[in-house]
Amino acid sequence: MSAWINLSALSKILVFGLLLGAGLPALFAIGVRLDAEGAGLAVHDGAVAQRNPVLLALSWAIFALVLFAVIIGVLFVARDFIGQHLGLYLLGAKHK
């Protein structure tokens, strides 16, 4: 550990930033692709694909996961504000 930089904290921030910063948009892109494949919108060699309900369900599950992560992130950022104004102390908000 350096006197100027906490390398342990820096590595944790870097890993979580990469996972959430690149992982959530990548998951969303996979969901969009699966949704197009499942709805029969993708064209392969001039032939339109048939509807695939399994791919549609998988794409919507991925969309729900991404939406859940975004909602938890917003609640985490605003946890102290929500705790102070609404009295709901979520995700480790400080009691004042």
C-alpha atoms as a PDB file:
ATOM      1  CA  MET A   1       0.000   0.000   0.000  1.00  0.00           C
ATOM      2  CA  SER A   2       1.280   3.386  -0.977  1.00  0.00           C
ATOM      3  CA  ALA A   3       1.097   6.427   1.268  1.00  0.00           C
ATOM      4  CA  TRP A   4      -0.704   8.316  -1.522  1.00  0.00           C
ATOM      5  CA  ILE A   5      -2.888   5.636  -3.143  1.00  0.00           C
ATOM      6  CA  ASN A   6      -4.881   2.835  -1.574  1.00  0.00           C
ATOM      7  CA  LEU A   7      -4.254   0.140  -4.195  1.00  0.00           C
ATOM      8  CA  SER A   8      -6.754  -2.300  -2.685  1.00  0.00           C
ATOM      9  CA  ALA A   9      -9.614   0.203  -2.895  1.00  0.00           C
ATOM     10  CA  LEU A  10      -8.490   1.298  -6.351  1.00  0.00           C
ATOM     11  CA  SER A  11      -8.576  -2.274  -7.652  1.00  0.00           C
ATOM     12  CA  LYS A  12     -12.077  -2.836  -6.217  1.00  0.00           C
ATOM     13  CA  ILE A  13     -13.342   0.361  -7.832  1.00  0.00           C
ATOM     14  CA  LEU A  14     -11.776  -0.620 -11.146  1.00  0.00           C
ATOM     15  CA  VAL A  15     -13.280  -4.131 -11.141  1.00  0.00           C
ATOM     16  CA  PHE A  16     -16.796  -3.013 -10.159  1.00  0.00           C
ATOM     17  CA  GLY A  17     -16.635  -0.093 -12.584  1.00  0.00           C
ATOM     18  CA  LEU A  18     -15.751  -2.408 -15.437  1.00  0.00           C
ATOM     19  CA  LEU A  19     -18.400  -4.970 -14.474  1.00  0.00           C
ATOM     20  CA  LEU A  20     -21.226  -2.481 -14.110  1.00  0.00           C
ATOM     21  CA  GLY A  21     -19.995   0.125 -16.550  1.00  0.00           C
ATOM     22  CA  ALA A  22     -19.479  -2.299 -19.419  1.00  0.00           C
ATOM     23  CA  GLY A  23     -21.407  -5.326 -18.209  1.00  0.00           C
ATOM     24  CA  LEU A  24     -24.888  -3.798 -18.003  1.00  0.00           C
ATOM     25  CA  PRO A  25     -24.790  -2.252 -21.498  1.00  0.00           C
ATOM     26  CA  ALA A  26     -23.416  -5.537 -22.856  1.00  0.00           C
ATOM     27  CA  LEU A  27     -26.258  -7.463 -21.190  1.00  0.00           C
ATOM     28  CA  PHE A  28     -28.764  -4.998 -22.626  1.00  0.00           C
ATOM     29  CA  ALA A  29     -27.268  -5.458 -26.106  1.00  0.00           C
ATOM     30  CA  ILE A  30     -27.527  -9.242 -25.741  1.00  0.00           C
ATOM     31  CA  GLY A  31     -31.163  -8.814 -24.700  1.00  0.00           C
ATOM     32  CA  VAL A  32     -31.892  -6.681 -27.765  1.00  0.00           C
ATOM     33  CA  ARG A  33     -30.273  -9.261 -30.031  1.00  0.00           C
ATOM     34  CA  LEU A  34     -32.193 -12.137 -28.423  1.00  0.00           C
ATOM     35  CA  ASP A  35     -35.411 -10.134 -28.697  1.00  0.00           C
ATOM     36  CA  ALA A  36     -34.861  -9.618 -32.424  1.00  0.00           C
ATOM     37  CA  GLU A  37     -34.059 -13.305 -32.922  1.00  0.00           C
ATOM     38  CA  GLY A  38     -37.023 -14.431 -30.839  1.00  0.00           C
ATOM     39  CA  ALA A  39     -39.511 -12.120 -32.547  1.00  0.00           C
ATOM     40  CA  GLY A  40     -38.486 -13.421 -35.969  1.00  0.00           C
ATOM     41  CA  LEU A  41     -37.055 -10.083 -37.074  1.00  0.00           C
ATOM     42  CA  ALA A  42     -33.591 -11.407 -37.914  1.00  0.00           C
ATOM     43  CA  VAL A  43     -32.875 -12.342 -41.513  1.00  0.00           C
ATOM     44  CA  HIS A  44     -30.475 -15.189 -42.325  1.00  0.00           C
ATOM     45  CA  ASP A  45     -29.548 -15.856 -45.986  1.00  0.00           C
ATOM     46  CA  GLY A  46     -32.644 -14.047 -47.243  1.00  0.00           C
ATOM     47  CA  ALA A  47     -35.091 -16.069 -45.118  1.00  0.00           C
ATOM     48  CA  VAL A  48     -36.946 -14.536 -42.170  1.00  0.00           C
ATOM     49  CA  ALA A  49     -36.685 -16.532 -38.952  1.00  0.00           C
ATOM     50  CA  GLN A  50     -39.729 -17.901 -37.099  1.00  0.00           C
ATOM     51  CA  ARG A  51     -40.893 -16.656 -33.681  1.00  0.00           C
ATOM     52  CA  ASN A  52     -39.082 -18.295 -30.791  1.00  0.00           C
ATOM     53  CA  PRO A  53     -40.833 -17.764 -27.444  1.00  0.00           C
ATOM     54  CA  VAL A  54     -37.871 -19.134 -25.471  1.00  0.00           C
ATOM     55  CA  LEU A  55     -35.575 -16.429 -26.832  1.00  0.00           C
ATOM     56  CA  LEU A  56     -38.231 -13.791 -26.193  1.00  0.00           C
ATOM     57  CA  ALA A  57     -38.586 -14.924 -22.572  1.00  0.00           C
ATOM     58  CA  LEU A  58     -34.805 -14.943 -22.142  1.00  0.00           C
ATOM     59  CA  SER A  59     -34.508 -11.447 -23.591  1.00  0.00           C
ATOM     60  CA  TRP A  60     -37.203 -10.109 -21.244  1.00  0.00           C
ATOM     61  CA  ALA A  61     -35.486 -11.782 -18.290  1.00  0.00           C
ATOM     62  CA  ILE A  62     -32.253 -10.003 -19.248  1.00  0.00           C
ATOM     63  CA  PHE A  63     -34.133  -6.688 -19.571  1.00  0.00           C
ATOM     64  CA  ALA A  64     -35.638  -7.237 -16.107  1.00  0.00           C
ATOM     65  CA  LEU A  65     -32.183  -7.940 -14.656  1.00  0.00           C
ATOM     66  CA  VAL A  66     -30.755  -4.750 -16.162  1.00  0.00           C
ATOM     67  CA  LEU A  67     -33.734  -2.712 -14.946  1.00  0.00           C
ATOM     68  CA  PHE A  68     -33.366  -4.202 -11.450  1.00  0.00           C
ATOM     69  CA  ALA A  69     -29.657  -3.285 -11.377  1.00  0.00           C
ATOM     70  CA  VAL A  70     -30.416   0.294 -12.468  1.00  0.00           C
ATOM     71  CA  ILE A  71     -33.146   0.705  -9.835  1.00  0.00           C
ATOM     72  CA  ILE A  72     -30.884  -0.662  -7.081  1.00  0.00           C
ATOM     73  CA  GLY A  73     -28.103   1.677  -8.225  1.00  0.00           C
ATOM     74  CA  VAL A  74     -30.350   4.740  -8.104  1.00  0.00           C
ATOM     75  CA  LEU A  75     -31.708   3.731  -4.682  1.00  0.00           C
ATOM     76  CA  PHE A  76     -28.154   3.203  -3.426  1.00  0.00           C
ATOM     77  CA  VAL A  77     -27.074   6.657  -4.560  1.00  0.00           C
ATOM     78  CA  ALA A  78     -30.174   8.321  -3.080  1.00  0.00           C
ATOM     79  CA  ARG A  79     -30.409   6.191   0.083  1.00  0.00           C
ATOM     80  CA  ASP A  80     -29.592   8.971   2.571  1.00  0.00           C
ATOM     81  CA  PHE A  81     -31.985  11.410   0.880  1.00  0.00           C
ATOM     82  CA  ILE A  82     -34.770   8.817   0.912  1.00  0.00           C
ATOM     83  CA  GLY A  83     -34.035   7.978   4.540  1.00  0.00           C
ATOM     84  CA  GLN A  84     -34.091  11.586   5.654  1.00  0.00           C
ATOM     85  CA  HIS A  85     -37.206  12.677   3.744  1.00  0.00           C
ATOM     86  CA  LEU A  86     -39.330   9.529   3.706  1.00  0.00           C
ATOM     87  CA  GLY A  87     -38.094   7.670   6.762  1.00  0.00           C
ATOM     88  CA  LEU A  88     -37.226   4.568   4.680  1.00  0.00           C
ATOM     89  CA  TYR A  89     -33.675   3.605   5.581  1.00  0.00           C
ATOM     90  CA  LEU A  90     -32.714   1.362   2.656  1.00  0.00           C
ATOM     91  CA  LEU A  91     -29.405  -0.194   1.666  1.00  0.00           C
ATOM     92  CA  GLY A  92     -27.477   0.967   4.724  1.00  0.00           C
ATOM     93  CA  ALA A  93     -28.726   4.553   4.910  1.00  0.00           C
ATOM     94  CA  LYS A  94     -27.612   6.487   7.980  1.00  0.00           C
ATOM     95  CA  HIS A  95     -30.197   7.277  10.665  1.00  0.00           C
ATOM     96  CA  LYS A  96     -30.067  10.986  11.548  1.00  0.00           C
END
